[in-house]
């Protein structure tokens, strides 16, 4: 990265669309040494508590990879 580019942002929030076929979408972005996850879901297809369970499992799996 060139010095003229300035400092990297502290974080990045990504909006992702579920589209017609995917009830849950997770988009990963690396910012420096961190991983940012953008998550979208269709409430008509998946209840929020179920999405939370899926995401908790996903994050636990990522943490286990360390």
Protein backbone atom coordinates (compact mmCIF):
# COMPACT_ATOMS: atom_id res chain seq x y z
CA UNK A 1 0.00 0.00 0.00
CA UNK A 2 1.39 3.35 -0.94
CA UNK A 3 1.76 6.05 1.72
CA UNK A 4 -0.38 8.38 -0.41
CA UNK A 5 -3.35 6.07 0.06
CA UNK A 6 -3.62 6.98 3.74
CA UNK A 7 -4.61 4.75 6.62
CA UNK A 8 -6.87 1.76 6.11
CA UNK A 9 -10.40 2.08 7.51
CA UNK A 10 -10.95 0.70 11.00
CA UNK A 11 -13.72 -1.55 9.73
CA UNK A 12 -15.85 -2.22 6.71
CA UNK A 13 -19.56 -2.95 6.69
CA UNK A 14 -20.80 -4.81 3.64
CA UNK A 15 -24.41 -4.96 2.58
CA UNK A 16 -25.30 -8.17 0.79
CA UNK A 17 -28.47 -9.20 -0.98
CA UNK A 18 -30.09 -12.59 -0.49
CA UNK A 19 -31.39 -12.68 -4.05
CA UNK A 20 -34.15 -15.07 -5.08
CA UNK A 21 -32.39 -18.35 -4.25
CA UNK A 22 -30.45 -17.90 -1.00
CA UNK A 23 -32.32 -17.41 2.29
CA UNK A 24 -29.07 -16.48 4.11
CA UNK A 25 -25.98 -14.82 2.60
CA UNK A 26 -22.66 -14.23 4.36
CA UNK A 27 -20.07 -12.01 2.69
CA UNK A 28 -16.55 -11.95 4.13
CA UNK A 29 -14.17 -9.01 3.85
CA UNK A 30 -10.67 -8.76 5.29
CA UNK A 31 -9.66 -5.34 6.62
CA UNK A 32 -6.06 -5.35 7.80
CA UNK A 33 -5.85 -8.21 10.28
CA UNK A 34 -9.58 -8.50 10.92
CA UNK A 35 -12.39 -10.36 9.23
CA UNK A 36 -15.70 -8.54 8.77
CA UNK A 37 -18.83 -10.55 8.01
CA UNK A 38 -21.87 -9.04 6.33
CA UNK A 39 -25.03 -11.11 6.81
CA UNK A 40 -28.43 -10.78 5.18
CA UNK A 41 -31.41 -13.08 5.45
CA UNK A 42 -35.02 -13.23 4.35
CA UNK A 43 -37.27 -13.15 7.41
CA UNK A 44 -40.02 -14.90 5.46
CA UNK A 45 -37.70 -17.87 4.87
CA UNK A 46 -35.68 -18.12 8.09
CA UNK A 47 -36.64 -16.91 11.60
CA UNK A 48 -34.14 -14.56 13.25
CA UNK A 49 -33.37 -16.95 16.16
CA UNK A 50 -32.45 -19.67 13.68
CA UNK A 51 -30.15 -17.27 11.82
CA UNK A 52 -28.47 -16.40 15.14
CA UNK A 53 -27.88 -20.10 15.81
CA UNK A 54 -26.33 -20.61 12.38
CA UNK A 55 -24.09 -17.55 12.78
CA UNK A 56 -22.99 -18.54 16.28
CA UNK A 57 -21.98 -21.95 14.93
CA UNK A 58 -20.19 -20.34 11.97
CA UNK A 59 -18.21 -17.97 14.21
CA UNK A 60 -17.34 -20.79 16.64
CA UNK A 61 -16.02 -22.82 13.71
CA UNK A 62 -13.87 -19.90 12.54
CA UNK A 63 -12.50 -19.38 16.06
CA UNK A 64 -11.67 -23.09 16.26
CA UNK A 65 -9.50 -22.74 13.13
CA UNK A 66 -7.00 -20.51 14.95
